[in-house]
Amino acid sequence: MLQLFGVSPAILAIHREIEVLAQTRDPVLVVGEPGTGKQLVARMIHERSDRHERPFAMAACSGIPEMLFESELFGHVAGSFPGAYRNKPALIRFADRGTLFLEELGAISLRQQSLVLRFLESGEFAPIGRESNNEHSSARLIAATCCDLEKQLVSEQFCEGLLQVFRPIFVPPLRHRRTDVLLLFAHFLEDSSVRNQTPVPELTATLVATLQSYPWPGNVRELKRLAERLVAQRASRPVDVSDLPYEIRQVRNPDPSIGRP
């Protein structure tokens, strides 16, 4: 079963929220900075729900044209737009009785927001090019965002009605759960060492102190990548601060003339 590692009060509180949300069918909005583990939280809610044997489908909301996003989510009929040579089934249909996870809800347009809201309110959707006979799906919607959607409401970039439909759960940044840093780092070191069939690196006390004081702007993702990098070095000695990336060493030693590659 998927697990969100940590013993900090913030993580223990999230575990309790996940258990509560898993027992409902309400739409959920997972809010947190990039790299905090929003997708993992969404998967844990799905896995602990009565939908766990049904699909967990994912759709990216950012970086793709509006038409392609709608086609991915709601499907299309052949000939509905240039390049639509055949019918495309809706992802939201595939996730029927399961969970549909939308990555970065704050990136979709107001028009797309209205389509998502319509589905949440009625369970109905229409493939692009379909003029009648709407389809139905009972997929549960879990979305994620790193945006301040309250600010987007003020600037009229986000639909208030859509935001009100979701039950929010907030994933804290790693700098707010420092007691979890070493626990997570040890887990990532061991996991990467097993995958690479190499011994788990030893750490000096100075490096451990640096890990605990660093603010981790990239959050858990940055911590995991660092662990993988140190394992890949296959050092024959304990890993020290000199083995860390410059940006981490620089936080410990603010003099830019010292330690730059």
Protein backbone atom coordinates (compact mmCIF):
# COMPACT_ATOMS: atom_id res chain seq x y z
CA MET A 1 0.00 0.00 0.00
CA LEU A 2 1.24 3.48 -0.87
CA GLN A 3 2.65 5.42 2.06
CA LEU A 4 3.46 9.06 2.78
CA PHE A 5 6.62 8.85 4.88
CA GLY A 6 7.06 11.05 7.92
CA VAL A 7 6.41 11.41 11.63
CA SER A 8 5.93 15.19 11.81
CA PRO A 9 2.61 16.53 13.13
CA ALA A 10 1.82 17.92 9.66
CA ILE A 11 2.19 14.51 8.00
CA LEU A 12 0.25 12.71 10.72
CA ALA A 13 -2.56 15.22 10.20
CA ILE A 14 -2.54 14.56 6.43
CA HIS A 15 -2.81 10.82 7.06
CA ARG A 16 -5.94 11.45 9.11
CA GLU A 17 -7.39 13.68 6.38
CA ILE A 18 -6.67 11.06 3.73
CA GLU A 19 -8.56 8.42 5.70
CA VAL A 20 -11.55 10.74 6.06
CA LEU A 21 -11.58 11.78 2.40
CA ALA A 22 -11.22 8.18 1.24
CA GLN A 23 -14.59 7.37 2.82
CA THR A 24 -16.39 10.05 0.81
CA ARG A 25 -17.05 10.57 -2.89
CA ASP A 26 -16.51 14.32 -2.79
CA PRO A 27 -14.20 16.01 -5.30
CA VAL A 28 -10.84 16.77 -3.67
CA LEU A 29 -8.31 19.53 -4.38
CA VAL A 30 -4.75 18.69 -3.27
CA VAL A 31 -2.87 21.95 -2.72
CA GLY A 32 0.89 22.24 -2.31
CA GLU A 33 4.15 23.49 -3.74
CA PRO A 34 5.82 21.57 -6.60
CA GLY A 35 7.53 18.42 -5.38
CA THR A 36 5.55 17.99 -2.16
CA GLY A 37 3.81 14.76 -3.20
CA LYS A 38 0.37 15.86 -4.36
CA GLN A 39 -0.03 12.96 -6.78
CA LEU A 40 0.92 10.51 -4.04
CA VAL A 41 -1.78 11.96 -1.77
CA ALA A 42 -4.33 11.58 -4.58
CA ARG A 43 -3.32 7.96 -5.14
CA MET A 44 -3.54 7.22 -1.42
CA ILE A 45 -7.08 8.60 -1.28
CA HIS A 46 -8.03 6.39 -4.23
CA GLU A 47 -6.27 3.32 -2.83
CA ARG A 48 -8.04 3.59 0.51
CA SER A 49 -11.47 4.18 -1.01
CA ASP A 50 -14.09 1.71 -2.22
CA ARG A 51 -12.92 2.55 -5.75
CA HIS A 52 -9.47 1.03 -5.30
CA GLU A 53 -10.14 -1.84 -7.72
CA ARG A 54 -11.20 0.60 -10.46
CA PRO A 55 -8.83 2.73 -12.61
CA PHE A 56 -6.84 5.70 -11.38
CA ALA A 57 -6.56 7.83 -14.53
CA MET A 58 -4.44 10.95 -14.93
CA ALA A 59 -4.70 14.01 -17.16
CA ALA A 60 -2.19 16.87 -17.38
CA CYS A 61 -3.82 20.30 -17.43
CA SER A 62 -0.83 22.47 -18.29
CA GLY A 63 1.31 22.78 -21.37
CA ILE A 64 -1.21 21.34 -23.87
CA PRO A 65 -3.61 23.14 -26.24
CA GLU A 66 -7.16 23.66 -25.02
CA MET A 67 -8.70 21.45 -27.71
CA LEU A 68 -6.35 18.55 -26.95
CA PHE A 69 -7.11 18.79 -23.23
CA GLU A 70 -10.85 18.61 -23.91
CA SER A 71 -10.33 15.74 -26.34
CA GLU A 72 -8.29 13.82 -23.75
CA LEU A 73 -10.79 14.40 -20.97
CA PHE A 74 -14.12 14.17 -22.79
CA GLY A 75 -13.23 12.37 -26.03
CA HIS A 76 -14.20 13.38 -29.56
CA VAL A 77 -16.04 12.06 -32.58
CA ALA A 78 -14.36 11.54 -35.94
CA GLY A 79 -14.24 14.68 -38.08
CA SER A 80 -14.95 17.08 -35.22
CA PHE A 81 -11.69 19.01 -35.83
CA PRO A 82 -8.66 18.73 -38.13
CA GLY A 83 -6.75 15.55 -37.34
CA ALA A 84 -9.70 13.81 -35.65
CA TYR A 85 -9.70 10.85 -38.01
CA ARG A 86 -11.47 8.45 -35.65
CA ASN A 87 -13.56 8.49 -32.51
CA LYS A 88 -11.56 8.94 -29.30
CA PRO A 89 -12.97 7.56 -26.05
CA ALA A 90 -13.10 9.89 -23.08
CA LEU A 91 -10.61 9.48 -20.24
CA ILE A 92 -13.44 10.39 -17.91
CA ARG A 93 -15.34 7.38 -19.29
CA PHE A 94 -12.33 5.12 -18.67
CA ALA A 95 -12.29 6.31 -15.04
CA ASP A 96 -15.98 5.48 -14.51
CA ARG A 97 -16.48 4.27 -10.91
CA GLY A 98 -12.79 4.98 -10.38
CA THR A 99 -10.78 8.19 -9.94
CA LEU A 100 -9.69 10.84 -12.42
CA PHE A 101 -6.70 12.91 -11.30
CA LEU A 102 -6.17 16.34 -12.90
CA GLU A 103 -2.65 17.71 -12.56
CA GLU A 104 -2.47 21.50 -12.09
CA LEU A 105 -6.11 22.54 -12.15
CA GLY A 106 -5.10 26.21 -12.03
CA ALA A 107 -3.74 26.00 -15.60
CA ILE A 108 -7.05 25.35 -17.37
CA SER A 109 -9.07 28.10 -19.04
CA LEU A 110 -12.38 29.47 -17.80
CA ARG A 111 -14.16 27.58 -20.56
CA GLN A 112 -12.54 24.30 -19.51
CA GLN A 113 -13.38 25.08 -15.90
CA SER A 114 -17.04 25.42 -16.84
CA LEU A 115 -16.97 22.00 -18.53
CA VAL A 116 -15.38 20.41 -15.48
CA LEU A 117 -17.92 22.10 -13.20
CA ARG A 118 -20.77 20.88 -15.38
CA PHE A 119 -19.50 17.31 -15.06
CA LEU A 120 -19.12 17.61 -11.29
CA GLU A 121 -22.65 18.93 -10.92
CA SER A 122 -24.39 16.49 -13.28
CA GLY A 123 -22.05 13.59 -13.99
CA GLU A 124 -22.59 14.31 -17.69
CA PHE A 125 -20.17 15.23 -20.43
CA ALA A 126 -20.23 15.58 -24.22
CA PRO A 127 -17.41 14.46 -26.51
CA ILE A 128 -16.21 17.16 -28.91
CA GLY A 129 -18.44 17.10 -31.96
CA ARG A 130 -21.35 15.38 -30.22
CA GLU A 131 -24.44 17.59 -30.46
CA SER A 132 -26.83 15.37 -28.50
CA ASN A 133 -26.98 12.30 -26.26
CA ASN A 134 -24.58 13.33 -23.52
CA GLU A 135 -22.61 10.55 -21.83
CA HIS A 136 -22.43 9.83 -18.11
CA SER A 137 -19.60 8.82 -15.80
CA SER A 138 -19.40 8.34 -12.05
CA ALA A 139 -15.66 9.00 -11.92
CA ARG A 140 -14.48 10.74 -8.78
CA LEU A 141 -12.43 13.85 -9.48
CA ILE A 142 -9.25 14.63 -7.56
CA ALA A 143 -7.30 17.66 -8.75
CA ALA A 144 -4.02 19.20 -7.71
CA THR A 145 -2.59 22.69 -7.85
CA CYS A 146 0.43 24.67 -6.74
CA CYS A 147 -1.34 27.93 -7.62
CA ASP A 148 -3.07 30.33 -5.28
CA LEU A 149 -6.56 29.88 -6.70
CA GLU A 150 -7.98 32.47 -4.28
CA LYS A 151 -5.84 35.09 -6.04
CA GLN A 152 -7.01 33.80 -9.40
CA LEU A 153 -10.58 34.34 -8.24
CA VAL A 154 -9.81 38.00 -7.62
CA SER A 155 -8.25 38.38 -11.06
CA GLU A 156 -11.19 36.47 -12.57
CA GLN A 157 -8.93 33.71 -13.87
CA PHE A 158 -10.69 30.99 -11.93
CA CYS A 159 -14.35 30.06 -11.47
CA GLU A 160 -15.56 30.51 -7.89
CA GLY A 161 -18.24 27.86 -8.35
CA LEU A 162 -15.66 25.26 -9.31
CA LEU A 163 -13.40 26.07 -6.39
CA GLN A 164 -16.30 25.77 -3.96
CA VAL A 165 -17.10 22.24 -5.15
CA PHE A 166 -13.78 20.80 -3.98
CA ARG A 167 -12.76 19.70 -0.51
CA PRO A 168 -9.17 20.93 -0.05
CA ILE A 169 -6.26 19.09 1.51
CA PHE A 170 -2.98 20.96 1.97
CA VAL A 171 0.41 19.24 1.61
CA PRO A 172 3.08 21.16 3.56
CA PRO A 173 6.48 22.03 2.06
CA LEU A 174 9.44 20.03 3.36
CA ARG A 175 10.84 23.07 5.20
CA HIS A 176 7.77 22.93 7.46
CA ARG A 177 8.38 19.29 8.37
CA ARG A 178 12.11 19.20 9.07
CA THR A 179 11.77 16.22 11.42
CA ASP A 180 10.94 14.15 8.34
CA VAL A 181 14.01 15.10 6.28
CA LEU A 182 16.43 12.44 7.56
CA LEU A 183 13.74 9.75 7.63
CA LEU A 184 12.85 10.45 4.01
CA PHE A 185 16.50 10.72 2.95
CA ALA A 186 17.34 7.36 4.53
CA HIS A 187 14.38 5.80 2.73
CA PHE A 188 15.42 7.25 -0.64
CA LEU A 189 19.07 6.18 -0.13
CA GLU A 190 18.04 2.63 0.64
CA ASP A 191 15.55 2.45 -2.22
CA SER A 192 18.06 3.79 -4.75
CA SER A 193 20.82 1.52 -3.43
CA VAL A 194 18.62 -1.56 -3.84
CA ARG A 195 17.67 -0.57 -7.40
CA ASN A 196 21.32 0.09 -8.30
CA GLN A 197 22.65 -2.92 -6.38
CA THR A 198 25.16 -0.83 -4.46
CA PRO A 199 25.80 -0.30 -0.72
CA VAL A 200 23.93 2.46 1.08
CA PRO A 201 26.34 5.43 1.41
CA GLU A 202 27.55 6.48 4.83
CA LEU A 203 26.96 10.14 5.77
CA THR A 204 29.19 12.45 7.79
CA ALA A 205 27.72 14.38 10.72
CA THR A 206 28.40 17.63 8.86
CA LEU A 207 26.39 16.48 5.85
CA VAL A 208 23.51 15.39 8.08
CA ALA A 209 23.43 18.83 9.71
CA THR A 210 23.44 20.46 6.27
CA LEU A 211 20.49 18.36 5.14
CA GLN A 212 18.53 19.41 8.20
CA SER A 213 19.21 23.12 7.75
CA TYR A 214 18.72 23.39 3.99
CA PRO A 215 15.29 24.89 3.05
CA TRP A 216 14.56 22.38 0.22
CA PRO A 217 12.85 24.67 -2.30
CA GLY A 218 12.24 21.61 -4.52
CA ASN A 219 10.70 19.77 -1.56
CA VAL A 220 10.60 15.97 -1.44
CA ARG A 221 11.38 15.65 -5.15
CA GLU A 222 14.66 17.54 -4.66
CA LEU A 223 15.56 15.40 -1.63
CA LYS A 224 14.91 12.20 -3.59
CA ARG A 225 17.04 13.33 -6.53
CA LEU A 226 19.90 14.18 -4.18
CA ALA A 227 19.75 10.70 -2.63
CA GLU A 228 19.82 9.12 -6.09
CA ARG A 229 22.77 11.31 -7.09
CA LEU A 230 24.81 10.34 -4.03
CA VAL A 231 24.11 6.64 -4.54
CA ALA A 232 25.18 6.92 -8.18
CA GLN A 233 28.56 8.35 -7.10
CA ARG A 234 29.43 4.98 -5.48
CA ALA A 235 31.81 6.70 -3.05
CA SER A 236 34.25 4.46 -1.17
CA ARG A 237 34.25 6.86 1.78
CA PRO A 238 31.52 8.55 3.87
CA VAL A 239 29.65 11.14 1.83
CA ASP A 240 30.45 14.70 2.95
CA VAL A 241 29.27 18.26 2.21
CA SER A 242 31.80 18.51 -0.62
CA ASP A 243 29.77 15.86 -2.49
CA LEU A 244 26.62 17.99 -2.43
CA PRO A 245 25.45 20.22 -5.31
CA TYR A 246 26.71 23.79 -5.21
CA GLU A 247 23.30 25.30 -4.39
CA ILE A 248 23.09 23.26 -1.18
CA ARG A 249 26.69 23.97 -0.17
CA GLN A 250 26.11 27.67 -0.87
CA VAL A 251 23.26 27.85 1.65
CA ARG A 252 25.55 26.42 4.28
CA ASN A 253 28.43 28.72 3.24
CA PRO A 254 27.04 32.01 1.84
CA ASP A 255 30.42 33.24 0.53
CA PRO A 256 30.04 32.74 -3.26
CA SER A 257 33.83 32.64 -3.71
CA ILE A 258 34.09 29.42 -1.69
CA GLY A 259 33.22 26.03 -3.09
CA ARG A 260 31.98 27.07 -6.52
CA PRO A 261 32.83 24.45 -9.17
